[in-house]
Amino acid sequence: MATSGSSYPAVEPLSSAKENLRPMNSRIQELHESRTELMNRLQSLKQDLHNWRSKLDTQVKIYHDELSELKKSLNVEVEQLRSEFQDLKTTLHRQQEDVTSSLKKLGLEDALRNDKRVQEHKVKEVDVRDSNIEANQAKSVITEAHIAEESMTEGNNTKAEGSPPYNVEDAKD
């Protein structure tokens, strides 16, 4: 028999404890549903990230391939220009020799010396133009490669951890 001064806590009736458990069970159910929603959302975000990485890698490969093709075509064009300029230089030298021999035949020594200086000056101008054209083309190729490299680097800097590495040196080839 319990006295009013006893140190034991009062025992609640059994029906009251069951009523307290019902709110706990519903709260546990809510937490479980919330956890399931969060897990589903996380899976969706992971899939979105995977798709984004795939698209990005595809774009990088396409740009790399395009740059490689451009580099090849520019190299071919530069070689063609070099060949054409070399042919032009050879033609000018032959013409100079022909003019020189014609002048010698005519006995115009003074005209020969002046003409030789003029022809040498023209050949030097062609050589300077050749050098300038080749330098400008090389600058253009380098500038395009730098722009492509920067855009690829910016794309790689936005990648999340665990994405496949991309070697920028491959873009230079």
Protein backbone atom coordinates (compact mmCIF):
# COMPACT_ATOMS: atom_id res chain seq x y z
CA MET A 1 0.00 0.00 0.00
CA ALA A 2 1.34 3.25 -1.00
CA THR A 3 1.67 6.02 1.44
CA SER A 4 1.72 9.63 0.56
CA GLY A 5 5.33 9.98 1.67
CA SER A 6 6.80 7.05 -0.27
CA SER A 7 9.80 7.56 -2.49
CA TYR A 8 8.56 5.40 -5.37
CA PRO A 9 7.10 7.14 -8.42
CA ALA A 10 3.50 6.66 -9.11
CA VAL A 11 2.85 3.96 -11.69
CA GLU A 12 0.71 5.03 -14.60
CA PRO A 13 -2.02 2.85 -15.81
CA LEU A 14 -1.21 0.56 -18.80
CA SER A 15 -3.70 2.25 -21.15
CA SER A 16 -1.97 5.63 -20.63
CA ALA A 17 1.45 4.19 -21.70
CA LYS A 18 -0.07 2.77 -24.91
CA GLU A 19 -1.52 6.17 -25.75
CA ASN A 20 1.94 7.76 -25.33
CA LEU A 21 3.48 5.15 -27.68
CA ARG A 22 1.07 5.95 -30.51
CA PRO A 23 2.44 9.47 -31.06
CA MET A 24 5.97 8.02 -30.96
CA ASN A 25 5.10 5.39 -33.56
CA SER A 26 3.60 8.00 -35.88
CA ARG A 27 6.68 10.22 -35.41
CA ILE A 28 8.97 7.27 -36.22
CA GLN A 29 6.89 6.59 -39.34
CA GLU A 30 7.21 10.25 -40.42
CA LEU A 31 10.97 10.16 -39.92
CA HIS A 32 11.21 6.93 -41.92
CA GLU A 33 9.21 8.48 -44.80
CA SER A 34 11.35 11.62 -44.68
CA ARG A 35 14.49 9.49 -44.80
CA THR A 36 13.14 7.57 -47.79
CA GLU A 37 12.36 10.84 -49.62
CA LEU A 38 15.84 12.16 -48.90
CA MET A 39 17.46 8.94 -50.12
CA ASN A 40 15.41 9.07 -53.32
CA ARG A 41 16.38 12.70 -53.87
CA LEU A 42 20.04 11.88 -53.23
CA GLN A 43 19.90 9.06 -55.80
CA SER A 44 18.28 11.44 -58.29
CA LEU A 45 21.02 14.03 -57.71
CA LYS A 46 23.71 11.38 -58.13
CA GLN A 47 22.16 10.32 -61.43
CA ASP A 48 21.96 13.96 -62.59
CA LEU A 49 25.63 14.45 -61.69
CA HIS A 50 26.60 11.30 -63.57
CA ASN A 51 24.66 12.46 -66.65
CA TRP A 52 26.26 15.91 -66.46
CA ARG A 53 29.74 14.40 -66.22
CA SER A 54 29.05 12.18 -69.21
CA LYS A 55 27.87 15.13 -71.27
CA LEU A 56 30.87 17.21 -70.19
CA ASP A 57 33.32 14.42 -71.03
CA THR A 58 31.66 14.01 -74.43
CA GLN A 59 31.97 17.75 -75.13
CA VAL A 60 35.61 17.78 -74.05
CA LYS A 61 36.35 14.86 -76.38
CA ILE A 62 34.54 16.57 -79.26
CA TYR A 63 36.45 19.82 -78.68
CA HIS A 64 39.72 17.92 -78.41
CA ASP A 65 39.03 16.12 -81.69
CA GLU A 66 38.07 19.37 -83.40
CA LEU A 67 41.22 21.09 -82.16
CA SER A 68 43.33 18.18 -83.37
CA GLU A 69 41.74 18.40 -86.82
CA LEU A 70 42.24 22.17 -86.92
CA LYS A 71 45.85 21.77 -85.89
CA LYS A 72 46.43 19.18 -88.63
CA SER A 73 44.79 21.32 -91.29
CA LEU A 74 46.73 24.42 -90.19
CA ASN A 75 49.98 22.47 -90.30
CA VAL A 76 49.16 21.30 -93.82
CA GLU A 77 48.34 24.87 -94.89
CA VAL A 78 51.54 26.23 -93.33
CA GLU A 79 53.58 23.59 -95.14
CA GLN A 80 51.85 24.46 -98.42
CA LEU A 81 52.60 28.15 -97.89
CA ARG A 82 56.22 27.40 -97.10
CA SER A 83 56.48 25.33 -100.26
CA GLU A 84 54.84 28.05 -102.34
CA PHE A 85 57.12 30.72 -100.88
CA GLN A 86 60.15 28.55 -101.51
CA ASP A 87 59.02 28.08 -105.13
CA LEU A 88 58.51 31.82 -105.43
CA LYS A 89 61.93 32.50 -103.97
CA THR A 90 63.52 30.03 -106.39
CA THR A 91 61.66 31.62 -109.31
CA LEU A 92 62.81 35.08 -108.28
CA HIS A 93 66.43 33.89 -108.05
CA ARG A 94 66.15 32.33 -111.53
CA GLN A 95 64.66 35.53 -112.91
CA GLN A 96 67.44 37.51 -111.30
CA GLU A 97 70.03 35.24 -112.89
CA ASP A 98 68.27 35.51 -116.27
CA VAL A 99 68.18 39.30 -116.07
CA THR A 100 71.82 39.35 -115.00
CA SER A 101 72.90 37.18 -117.92
CA SER A 102 70.82 39.27 -120.35
CA LEU A 103 72.40 42.46 -119.08
CA LYS A 104 75.86 40.95 -119.37
CA LYS A 105 75.08 40.09 -122.94
CA LEU A 106 74.07 43.64 -123.59
CA GLY A 107 77.19 44.93 -121.90
CA LEU A 108 75.41 47.12 -119.43
CA GLU A 109 77.61 46.67 -116.39
CA ASP A 110 76.29 49.71 -114.51
CA ALA A 111 72.71 48.67 -115.01
CA LEU A 112 73.65 45.16 -113.87
CA ARG A 113 74.99 46.38 -110.52
CA ASN A 114 71.92 48.52 -109.87
CA ASP A 115 69.56 45.77 -110.94
CA LYS A 116 71.34 43.26 -108.74
CA ARG A 117 70.88 45.50 -105.71
CA VAL A 118 67.20 46.00 -106.54
CA GLN A 119 66.65 42.25 -106.99
CA GLU A 120 68.46 41.45 -103.74
CA HIS A 121 66.28 43.98 -101.96
CA LYS A 122 63.12 42.37 -103.43
CA VAL A 123 64.28 38.89 -102.35
CA LYS A 124 64.91 40.20 -98.84
CA GLU A 125 61.43 41.73 -98.76
CA VAL A 126 59.92 38.39 -99.77
CA ASP A 127 61.95 36.63 -97.05
CA VAL A 128 60.74 39.15 -94.46
CA ARG A 129 57.13 38.73 -95.60
CA ASP A 130 57.54 34.93 -95.40
CA SER A 131 58.80 35.20 -91.86
CA ASN A 132 56.02 37.58 -90.84
CA ILE A 133 53.30 35.38 -92.32
CA GLU A 134 54.67 32.26 -90.64
CA ALA A 135 55.01 34.07 -87.31
CA ASN A 136 51.43 35.40 -87.52
CA GLN A 137 50.09 31.95 -88.35
CA ALA A 138 52.01 30.41 -85.45
CA LYS A 139 50.63 33.10 -83.12
CA SER A 140 47.08 32.34 -84.29
CA VAL A 141 47.50 28.61 -83.69
CA ILE A 142 48.98 29.22 -80.24
CA THR A 143 46.21 31.68 -79.33
CA GLU A 144 43.51 29.23 -80.40
CA ALA A 145 45.17 26.44 -78.44
CA HIS A 146 45.37 28.66 -75.32
CA ILE A 147 41.70 29.62 -75.62
CA ALA A 148 40.69 25.97 -76.00
CA GLU A 149 42.94 24.96 -73.13
CA GLU A 150 41.44 27.65 -70.89
CA SER A 151 37.88 26.63 -71.71
CA MET A 152 38.74 22.99 -71.04
CA THR A 153 40.49 23.92 -67.81
CA GLU A 154 37.46 25.96 -66.67
CA GLY A 155 35.25 22.97 -67.45
CA ASN A 156 37.52 20.67 -65.45
CA ASN A 157 37.60 23.04 -62.47
CA THR A 158 33.82 22.73 -62.14
CA LYS A 159 33.91 18.95 -62.01
CA ALA A 160 33.06 17.29 -58.69
CA GLU A 161 35.42 14.89 -56.97
CA GLY A 162 35.57 11.42 -58.44
CA SER A 163 35.11 12.53 -62.03
CA PRO A 164 37.45 11.00 -64.57
CA PRO A 165 40.62 13.08 -64.95
CA TYR A 166 41.21 15.01 -68.14
CA ASN A 167 44.78 15.65 -69.21
CA VAL A 168 45.14 19.14 -70.66
CA GLU A 169 48.35 18.05 -72.37
CA ASP A 170 46.20 15.82 -74.61
CA ALA A 171 44.47 18.92 -75.93
CA LYS A 172 47.80 20.30 -77.13
CA ASP A 173 48.43 17.29 -79.39
